[in-house]
C-alpha cells in the first residue's frame, strides 16, 4: 500500500511472491511506482523487505517509477515490506 501526505510517501504491506528472484544487483522488475508517488530524482526510493528465515531483498525506485530488485526470494514466500521517500 502506498500513502502520501504532502511530499512524504510511505509504502508498507504484505505480499506473496509469484516468482523466484535471485538478483545479485539491480534487476529491473515489471512493476512501476505510480505517478504522484514517484520519488524525487535524488536520491530515489528504497523499499526493504523482510522474509522469515531468509536474507530478504530490497527494491530501489527512480523518479520514472522504475523499480530494481537486489536480493533473493522464492515463489510463494510471504514478504513484509516497508519504505519511505520524498515525492517529486
PDB file of N, CA and C in Angstrom:
ATOM      1  N   UNK A   1       0.837  -1.172   0.000  1.00  0.00           N
ATOM      2  CA  UNK A   1       0.000   0.000   0.000  1.00  0.00           C
ATOM      3  C   UNK A   1       0.887   1.243   0.000  1.00  0.00           C
ATOM      4  N   UNK A   2       0.551   2.187  -0.836  1.00  0.00           N
ATOM      5  CA  UNK A   2       1.244   3.473  -0.874  1.00  0.00           C
ATOM      6  C   UNK A   2       0.340   4.535  -0.275  1.00  0.00           C
ATOM      7  N   UNK A   3       0.923   5.428   0.513  1.00  0.00           N
ATOM      8  CA  UNK A   3       0.186   6.563   1.068  1.00  0.00           C
ATOM      9  C   UNK A   3       1.057   7.805   0.912  1.00  0.00           C
ATOM     10  N   UNK A   4       0.403   8.943   0.704  1.00  0.00           N
ATOM     11  CA  UNK A   4       1.143  10.200   0.554  1.00  0.00           C
ATOM     12  C   UNK A   4       0.522  11.263   1.432  1.00  0.00           C
ATOM     13  N   UNK A   5       1.379  11.959   2.180  1.00  0.00           N
ATOM     14  CA  UNK A   5       0.981  13.091   2.997  1.00  0.00           C
ATOM     15  C   UNK A   5       1.953  14.216   2.678  1.00  0.00           C
ATOM     16  N   UNK A   6       1.461  15.241   1.964  1.00  0.00           N
ATOM     17  CA  UNK A   6       2.364  16.277   1.467  1.00  0.00           C
ATOM     18  C   UNK A   6       3.305  15.664   0.452  1.00  0.00           C
ATOM     19  N   UNK A   7       4.594  15.814   0.685  1.00  0.00           N
ATOM     20  CA  UNK A   7       5.592  15.214  -0.211  1.00  0.00           C
ATOM     21  C   UNK A   7       6.138  13.889   0.304  1.00  0.00           C
ATOM     22  N   UNK A   8       5.702  13.430   1.472  1.00  0.00           N
ATOM     23  CA  UNK A   8       6.206  12.189   2.053  1.00  0.00           C
ATOM     24  C   UNK A   8       5.340  11.013   1.608  1.00  0.00           C
ATOM     25  N   UNK A   9       5.989  10.005   1.021  1.00  0.00           N
ATOM     26  CA  UNK A   9       5.308   8.785   0.583  1.00  0.00           C
ATOM     27  C   UNK A   9       5.780   7.631   1.469  1.00  0.00           C
ATOM     28  N   UNK A  10       4.850   6.805   1.912  1.00  0.00           N
ATOM     29  CA  UNK A  10       5.203   5.592   2.634  1.00  0.00           C
ATOM     30  C   UNK A  10       4.655   4.387   1.869  1.00  0.00           C
ATOM     31  N   UNK A  11       5.386   3.295   1.956  1.00  0.00           N
ATOM     32  CA  UNK A  11       4.983   2.032   1.341  1.00  0.00           C
ATOM     33  C   UNK A  11       5.087   0.961   2.412  1.00  0.00           C
ATOM     34  N   UNK A  12       4.032   0.178   2.585  1.00  0.00           N
ATOM     35  CA  UNK A  12       4.093  -0.935   3.533  1.00  0.00           C
ATOM     36  C   UNK A  12       3.008  -1.938   3.223  1.00  0.00           C
ATOM     37  N   UNK A  13       3.234  -3.157   3.649  1.00  0.00           N
ATOM     38  CA  UNK A  13       2.247  -4.202   3.444  1.00  0.00           C
ATOM     39  C   UNK A  13       2.850  -5.586   3.438  1.00  0.00           C
ATOM     40  N   UNK A  14       2.036  -6.532   3.024  1.00  0.00           N
ATOM     41  CA  UNK A  14       2.433  -7.936   2.908  1.00  0.00           C
ATOM     42  C   UNK A  14       2.093  -8.398   1.501  1.00  0.00           C
ATOM     43  N   UNK A  15       2.903  -9.280   0.953  1.00  0.00           N
ATOM     44  CA  UNK A  15       2.601  -9.869  -0.339  1.00  0.00           C
ATOM     45  C   UNK A  15       3.153 -11.280  -0.382  1.00  0.00           C
ATOM     46  N   UNK A  16       2.651 -12.063  -1.335  1.00  0.00           N
ATOM     47  CA  UNK A  16       3.166 -13.399  -1.573  1.00  0.00           C
ATOM     48  C   UNK A  16       3.805 -13.401  -2.949  1.00  0.00           C
ATOM     49  N   UNK A  17       5.038 -13.832  -3.013  1.00  0.00           N
ATOM     50  CA  UNK A  17       5.791 -13.818  -4.262  1.00  0.00           C
ATOM     51  C   UNK A  17       5.217 -14.821  -5.260  1.00  0.00           C
ATOM     52  N   UNK A  18       5.135 -14.424  -6.524  1.00  0.00           N
ATOM     53  CA  UNK A  18       4.659 -15.309  -7.584  1.00  0.00           C
ATOM     54  C   UNK A  18       5.802 -15.780  -8.471  1.00  0.00           C
ATOM     55  N   UNK A  19       7.017 -15.354  -8.148  1.00  0.00           N
ATOM     56  CA  UNK A  19       8.172 -15.692  -8.964  1.00  0.00           C
ATOM     57  C   UNK A  19       9.397 -15.790  -8.061  1.00  0.00           C
ATOM     58  N   UNK A  20      10.339 -16.639  -8.425  1.00  0.00           N
ATOM     59  CA  UNK A  20      11.601 -16.732  -7.699  1.00  0.00           C
ATOM     60  C   UNK A  20      12.584 -15.726  -8.281  1.00  0.00           C
ATOM     61  N   UNK A  21      13.230 -14.970  -7.404  1.00  0.00           N
ATOM     62  CA  UNK A  21      14.238 -13.995  -7.822  1.00  0.00           C
ATOM     63  C   UNK A  21      15.553 -14.337  -7.142  1.00  0.00           C
ATOM     64  N   UNK A  22      16.625 -14.253  -7.877  1.00  0.00           N
ATOM     65  CA  UNK A  22      17.974 -14.311  -7.323  1.00  0.00           C
ATOM     66  C   UNK A  22      18.750 -13.233  -8.050  1.00  0.00           C
ATOM     67  N   UNK A  23      18.590 -12.015  -7.587  1.00  0.00           N
ATOM     68  CA  UNK A  23      19.139 -10.844  -8.267  1.00  0.00           C
ATOM     69  C   UNK A  23      20.305 -10.293  -7.455  1.00  0.00           C
ATOM     70  N   UNK A  24      21.528 -10.608  -7.861  1.00  0.00           N
ATOM     71  CA  UNK A  24      22.654 -10.115  -7.082  1.00  0.00           C
ATOM     72  C   UNK A  24      22.770  -8.596  -7.078  1.00  0.00           C
ATOM     73  N   UNK A  25      22.296  -7.940  -8.164  1.00  0.00           N
ATOM     74  CA  UNK A  25      22.410  -6.487  -8.193  1.00  0.00           C
ATOM     75  C   UNK A  25      21.486  -5.882  -9.241  1.00  0.00           C
ATOM     76  N   UNK A  26      20.529  -5.096  -8.784  1.00  0.00           N
ATOM     77  CA  UNK A  26      19.710  -4.223  -9.630  1.00  0.00           C
ATOM     78  C   UNK A  26      19.092  -4.869 -10.877  1.00  0.00           C
ATOM     79  N   UNK A  27      18.228  -5.852 -10.664  1.00  0.00           N
ATOM     80  CA  UNK A  27      17.471  -6.434 -11.763  1.00  0.00           C
ATOM     81  C   UNK A  27      16.163  -5.672 -11.903  1.00  0.00           C
ATOM     82  N   UNK A  28      15.878  -5.129 -13.091  1.00  0.00           N
ATOM     83  CA  UNK A  28      14.651  -4.371 -13.310  1.00  0.00           C
ATOM     84  C   UNK A  28      13.446  -5.302 -13.227  1.00  0.00           C
ATOM     85  N   UNK A  29      12.382  -4.851 -12.550  1.00  0.00           N
ATOM     86  CA  UNK A  29      11.143  -5.625 -12.448  1.00  0.00           C
ATOM     87  C   UNK A  29      10.040  -4.924 -13.241  1.00  0.00           C
ATOM     88  N   UNK A  30       8.944  -5.628 -13.499  1.00  0.00           N
ATOM     89  CA  UNK A  30       7.891  -5.068 -14.350  1.00  0.00           C
ATOM     90  C   UNK A  30       7.010  -4.052 -13.635  1.00  0.00           C
ATOM     91  N   UNK A  31       6.875  -4.140 -12.312  1.00  0.00           N
ATOM     92  CA  UNK A  31       6.043  -3.202 -11.571  1.00  0.00           C
ATOM     93  C   UNK A  31       6.660  -1.813 -11.597  1.00  0.00           C
ATOM     94  N   UNK A  32       5.808  -0.806 -11.530  1.00  0.00           N
ATOM     95  CA  UNK A  32       6.251   0.597 -11.517  1.00  0.00           C
ATOM     96  C   UNK A  32       5.626   1.316 -10.326  1.00  0.00           C
ATOM     97  N   UNK A  33       6.300   2.350  -9.849  1.00  0.00           N
ATOM     98  CA  UNK A  33       5.713   3.239  -8.845  1.00  0.00           C
ATOM     99  C   UNK A  33       4.760   4.167  -9.597  1.00  0.00           C
ATOM    100  N   UNK A  34       3.494   4.259  -9.175  1.00  0.00           N
ATOM    101  CA  UNK A  34       2.528   5.092  -9.903  1.00  0.00           C
ATOM    102  C   UNK A  34       2.895   6.580  -9.869  1.00  0.00           C
ATOM    103  N   UNK A  35       2.489   7.290 -10.915  1.00  0.00           N
ATOM    104  CA  UNK A  35       2.678   8.743 -10.939  1.00  0.00           C
ATOM    105  C   UNK A  35       1.998   9.342  -9.720  1.00  0.00           C
ATOM    106  N   UNK A  36       2.564  10.398  -9.191  1.00  0.00           N
ATOM    107  CA  UNK A  36       2.044  11.024  -7.980  1.00  0.00           C
ATOM    108  C   UNK A  36       2.700  10.464  -6.724  1.00  0.00           C
ATOM    109  N   UNK A  37       3.312   9.272  -6.835  1.00  0.00           N
ATOM    110  CA  UNK A  37       4.008   8.650  -5.707  1.00  0.00           C
ATOM    111  C   UNK A  37       5.498   8.475  -6.000  1.00  0.00           C
ATOM    112  N   UNK A  38       5.912   8.822  -7.205  1.00  0.00           N
ATOM    113  CA  UNK A  38       7.296   8.597  -7.615  1.00  0.00           C
ATOM    114  C   UNK A  38       8.244   9.499  -6.847  1.00  0.00           C
ATOM    115  N   UNK A  39       9.436   8.977  -6.536  1.00  0.00           N
ATOM    116  CA  UNK A  39      10.386   9.747  -5.730  1.00  0.00           C
ATOM    117  C   UNK A  39      11.034  10.894  -6.498  1.00  0.00           C
ATOM    118  N   UNK A  40      11.510  11.857  -5.739  1.00  0.00           N
ATOM    119  CA  UNK A  40      12.297  12.945  -6.316  1.00  0.00           C
ATOM    120  C   UNK A  40      13.535  12.338  -6.979  1.00  0.00           C
ATOM    121  N   UNK A  41      14.102  13.018  -7.992  1.00  0.00           N
ATOM    122  CA  UNK A  41      15.228  12.450  -8.739  1.00  0.00           C
ATOM    123  C   UNK A  41      16.419  12.000  -7.887  1.00  0.00           C
ATOM    124  N   UNK A  42      16.683  12.686  -6.815  1.00  0.00           N
ATOM    125  CA  UNK A  42      17.796  12.264  -5.970  1.00  0.00           C
ATOM    126  C   UNK A  42      17.325  12.291  -4.531  1.00  0.00           C
ATOM    127  N   UNK A  43      17.415  11.254  -3.776  1.00  0.00           N
ATOM    128  CA  UNK A  43      18.174  10.026  -4.004  1.00  0.00           C
ATOM    129  C   UNK A  43      17.350   8.849  -4.533  1.00  0.00           C
ATOM    130  N   UNK A  44      16.082   9.019  -4.814  1.00  0.00           N
ATOM    131  CA  UNK A  44      15.236   7.895  -5.221  1.00  0.00           C
ATOM    132  C   UNK A  44      14.543   7.298  -4.011  1.00  0.00           C
ATOM    133  N   UNK A  45      14.062   6.057  -4.149  1.00  0.00           N
ATOM    134  CA  UNK A  45      13.332   5.402  -3.073  1.00  0.00           C
ATOM    135  C   UNK A  45      13.910   4.024  -2.816  1.00  0.00           C
ATOM    136  N   UNK A  46      13.973   3.634  -1.555  1.00  0.00           N
ATOM    137  CA  UNK A  46      14.387   2.285  -1.193  1.00  0.00           C
ATOM    138  C   UNK A  46      13.257   1.640  -0.417  1.00  0.00           C
ATOM    139  N   UNK A  47      12.857   0.440  -0.843  1.00  0.00           N
ATOM    140  CA  UNK A  47      11.829  -0.341  -0.168  1.00  0.00           C
ATOM    141  C   UNK A  47      12.488  -1.637   0.273  1.00  0.00           C
ATOM    142  N   UNK A  48      12.522  -1.879   1.572  1.00  0.00           N
ATOM    143  CA  UNK A  48      13.139  -3.093   2.085  1.00  0.00           C
ATOM    144  C   UNK A  48      12.076  -4.130   2.381  1.00  0.00           C
ATOM    145  N   UNK A  49      12.461  -5.395   2.319  1.00  0.00           N
ATOM    146  CA  UNK A  49      11.536  -6.489   2.588  1.00  0.00           C
ATOM    147  C   UNK A  49      12.194  -7.476   3.538  1.00  0.00           C
ATOM    148  N   UNK A  50      11.409  -7.975   4.467  1.00  0.00           N
ATOM    149  CA  UNK A  50      11.911  -8.965   5.407  1.00  0.00           C
ATOM    150  C   UNK A  50      11.171 -10.274   5.183  1.00  0.00           C
ATOM    151  N   UNK A  51      11.920 -11.365   5.212  1.00  0.00           N
ATOM    152  CA  UNK A  51      11.387 -12.697   4.986  1.00  0.00           C
ATOM    153  C   UNK A  51      11.872 -13.587   6.120  1.00  0.00           C
ATOM    154  N   UNK A  52      10.954 -14.191   6.897  1.00  0.00           N
ATOM    155  CA  UNK A  52      11.391 -15.055   7.997  1.00  0.00           C
ATOM    156  C   UNK A  52      12.314 -16.166   7.501  1.00  0.00           C
ATOM    157  N   UNK A  53      13.487 -16.270   8.096  1.00  0.00           N
ATOM    158  CA  UNK A  53      14.423 -17.328   7.766  1.00  0.00           C
ATOM    159  C   UNK A  53      15.220 -17.128   6.494  1.00  0.00           C
ATOM    160  N   UNK A  54      15.076 -15.966   5.834  1.00  0.00           N
ATOM    161  CA  UNK A  54      15.824 -15.695   4.599  1.00  0.00           C
ATOM    162  C   UNK A  54      16.421 -14.299   4.662  1.00  0.00           C
ATOM    163  N   UNK A  55      17.436 -14.028   3.822  1.00  0.00           N
ATOM    164  CA  UNK A  55      18.046 -12.700   3.845  1.00  0.00           C
ATOM    165  C   UNK A  55      17.126 -11.584   3.385  1.00  0.00           C
ATOM    166  N   UNK A  56      16.128 -11.900   2.535  1.00  0.00           N
ATOM    167  CA  UNK A  56      15.218 -10.859   2.048  1.00  0.00           C
ATOM    168  C   UNK A  56      15.787 -10.117   0.853  1.00  0.00           C
ATOM    169  N   UNK A  57      15.214  -8.951   0.561  1.00  0.00           N
ATOM    170  CA  UNK A  57      15.638  -8.193  -0.601  1.00  0.00           C
ATOM    171  C   UNK A  57      15.281  -6.734  -0.418  1.00  0.00           C
ATOM    172  N   UNK A  58      15.721  -5.914  -1.357  1.00  0.00           N
ATOM    173  CA  UNK A  58      15.252  -4.531  -1.377  1.00  0.00           C
ATOM    174  C   UNK A  58      14.996  -4.109  -2.813  1.00  0.00           C
ATOM    175  N   UNK A  59      14.138  -3.115  -2.951  1.00  0.00           N
ATOM    176  CA  UNK A  59      13.829  -2.508  -4.238  1.00  0.00           C
ATOM    177  C   UNK A  59      14.305  -1.063  -4.199  1.00  0.00           C
ATOM    178  N   UNK A  60      14.884  -0.608  -5.284  1.00  0.00           N
ATOM    179  CA  UNK A  60      15.260   0.787  -5.433  1.00  0.00           C
ATOM    180  C   UNK A  60      14.428   1.348  -6.572  1.00  0.00           C
ATOM    181  N   UNK A  61      13.787   2.495  -6.364  1.00  0.00           N
ATOM    182  CA  UNK A  61      12.957   3.112  -7.390  1.00  0.00           C
ATOM    183  C   UNK A  61      13.488   4.473  -7.790  1.00  0.00           C
ATOM    184  N   UNK A  62      13.334   4.803  -9.064  1.00  0.00           N
ATOM    185  CA  UNK A  62      13.790   6.111  -9.528  1.00  0.00           C
ATOM    186  C   UNK A  62      12.591   7.012  -9.846  1.00  0.00           C
ATOM    187  N   UNK A  63      12.863   8.225 -10.272  1.00  0.00           N
ATOM    188  CA  UNK A  63      11.801   9.213 -10.498  1.00  0.00           C
ATOM    189  C   UNK A  63      10.936   8.889 -11.716  1.00  0.00           C
ATOM    190  N   UNK A  64      11.320   7.916 -12.521  1.00  0.00           N
ATOM    191  CA  UNK A  64      10.499   7.462 -13.654  1.00  0.00           C
ATOM    192  C   UNK A  64       9.545   6.346 -13.236  1.00  0.00           C
ATOM    193  N   UNK A  65       9.661   5.894 -11.980  1.00  0.00           N
ATOM    194  CA  UNK A  65       8.806   4.827 -11.474  1.00  0.00           C
ATOM    195  C   UNK A  65       9.379   3.438 -11.647  1.00  0.00           C
ATOM    196  N   UNK A  66      10.548   3.332 -12.270  1.00  0.00           N
ATOM    197  CA  UNK A  66      11.177   2.041 -12.497  1.00  0.00           C
ATOM    198  C   UNK A  66      11.717   1.482 -11.182  1.00  0.00           C
ATOM    199  N   UNK A  67      11.488   0.182 -10.952  1.00  0.00           N
ATOM    200  CA  UNK A  67      11.970  -0.485  -9.751  1.00  0.00           C
ATOM    201  C   UNK A  67      13.038  -1.509 -10.109  1.00  0.00           C
ATOM    202  N   UNK A  68      14.072  -1.579  -9.263  1.00  0.00           N
ATOM    203  CA  UNK A  68      15.159  -2.540  -9.428  1.00  0.00           C
ATOM    204  C   UNK A  68      15.266  -3.367  -8.161  1.00  0.00           C
ATOM    205  N   UNK A  69      15.404  -4.680  -8.321  1.00  0.00           N
ATOM    206  CA  UNK A  69      15.452  -5.606  -7.199  1.00  0.00           C
ATOM    207  C   UNK A  69      16.867  -6.106  -6.980  1.00  0.00           C
ATOM    208  N   UNK A  70      17.265  -6.182  -5.720  1.00  0.00           N
ATOM    209  CA  UNK A  70      18.519  -6.807  -5.327  1.00  0.00           C
ATOM    210  C   UNK A  70      18.212  -7.729  -4.159  1.00  0.00           C
ATOM    211  N   UNK A  71      18.603  -8.989  -4.265  1.00  0.00           N
ATOM    212  CA  UNK A  71      18.391  -9.944  -3.195  1.00  0.00           C
ATOM    213  C   UNK A  71      17.864 -11.264  -3.709  1.00  0.00           C
ATOM    214  N   UNK A  72      17.352 -12.077  -2.806  1.00  0.00           N
ATOM    215  CA  UNK A  72      16.874 -13.408  -3.168  1.00  0.00           C
ATOM    216  C   UNK A  72      15.537 -13.678  -2.476  1.00  0.00           C
ATOM    217  N   UNK A  73      14.600 -14.219  -3.238  1.00  0.00           N
ATOM    218  CA  UNK A  73      13.274 -14.552  -2.708  1.00  0.00           C
ATOM    219  C   UNK A  73      12.719 -15.715  -3.529  1.00  0.00           C
ATOM    220  N   UNK A  74      11.927 -16.573  -2.910  1.00  0.00           N
ATOM    221  CA  UNK A  74      11.382 -17.728  -3.611  1.00  0.00           C
ATOM    222  C   UNK A  74       9.871 -17.618  -3.788  1.00  0.00           C
ATOM    223  N   UNK A  75       9.348 -18.365  -4.756  1.00  0.00           N
ATOM    224  CA  UNK A  75       7.916 -18.389  -5.047  1.00  0.00           C
ATOM    225  C   UNK A  75       7.126 -18.810  -3.808  1.00  0.00           C
ATOM    226  N   UNK A  76       5.949 -18.218  -3.647  1.00  0.00           N
ATOM    227  CA  UNK A  76       5.010 -18.473  -2.554  1.00  0.00           C
ATOM    228  C   UNK A  76       5.553 -18.074  -1.180  1.00  0.00           C
ATOM    229  N   UNK A  77       6.603 -17.294  -1.138  1.00  0.00           N
ATOM    230  CA  UNK A  77       7.151 -16.802   0.121  1.00  0.00           C
ATOM    231  C   UNK A  77       6.388 -15.550   0.532  1.00  0.00           C
ATOM    232  N   UNK A  78       5.906 -15.505   1.768  1.00  0.00           N
ATOM    233  CA  UNK A  78       5.241 -14.309   2.276  1.00  0.00           C
ATOM    234  C   UNK A  78       6.299 -13.268   2.642  1.00  0.00           C
ATOM    235  N   UNK A  79       6.024 -12.019   2.287  1.00  0.00           N
ATOM    236  CA  UNK A  79       7.012 -10.954   2.462  1.00  0.00           C
ATOM    237  C   UNK A  79       6.348  -9.733   3.087  1.00  0.00           C
ATOM    238  N   UNK A  80       7.001  -9.155   4.097  1.00  0.00           N
ATOM    239  CA  UNK A  80       6.588  -7.860   4.652  1.00  0.00           C
ATOM    240  C   UNK A  80       7.519  -6.806   4.073  1.00  0.00           C
ATOM    241  N   UNK A  81       6.963  -5.684   3.609  1.00  0.00           N
ATOM    242  CA  UNK A  81       7.806  -4.643   3.030  1.00  0.00           C
ATOM    243  C   UNK A  81       7.463  -3.289   3.621  1.00  0.00           C
ATOM    244  N   UNK A  82       8.470  -2.371   3.573  1.00  0.00           N
ATOM    245  CA  UNK A  82       8.287  -1.025   4.100  1.00  0.00           C
ATOM    246  C   UNK A  82       9.306  -0.094   3.445  1.00  0.00           C
ATOM    247  N   UNK A  83       8.910   1.166   3.308  1.00  0.00           N
ATOM    248  CA  UNK A  83       9.802   2.177   2.752  1.00  0.00           C
ATOM    249  C   UNK A  83       9.172   3.549   2.882  1.00  0.00           C
ATOM    250  N   UNK A  84       9.980   4.588   2.714  1.00  0.00           N
ATOM    251  CA  UNK A  84       9.502   5.973   2.752  1.00  0.00           C
ATOM    252  C   UNK A  84      10.439   6.825   1.912  1.00  0.00           C
ATOM    253  N   UNK A  85       9.874   7.830   1.247  1.00  0.00           N
ATOM    254  CA  UNK A  85      10.692   8.720   0.428  1.00  0.00           C
ATOM    255  C   UNK A  85       9.970  10.040   0.214  1.00  0.00           C
ATOM    256  N   UNK A  86      10.687  10.997  -0.370  1.00  0.00           N
ATOM    257  CA  UNK A  86      10.146  12.305  -0.718  1.00  0.00           C
ATOM    258  C   UNK A  86       9.699  12.246  -2.172  1.00  0.00           C
ATOM    259  N   UNK A  87       8.454  12.627  -2.435  1.00  0.00           N
ATOM    260  CA  UNK A  87       7.899  12.592  -3.794  1.00  0.00           C
ATOM    261  C   UNK A  87       8.425  13.769  -4.612  1.00  0.00           C
ATOM    262  N   UNK A  88       8.405  13.573  -5.927  1.00  0.00           N
ATOM    263  CA  UNK A  88       8.858  14.614  -6.856  1.00  0.00           C
ATOM    264  C   UNK A  88       7.917  15.804  -6.817  1.00  0.00           C
TER     265      UNK A  88
END
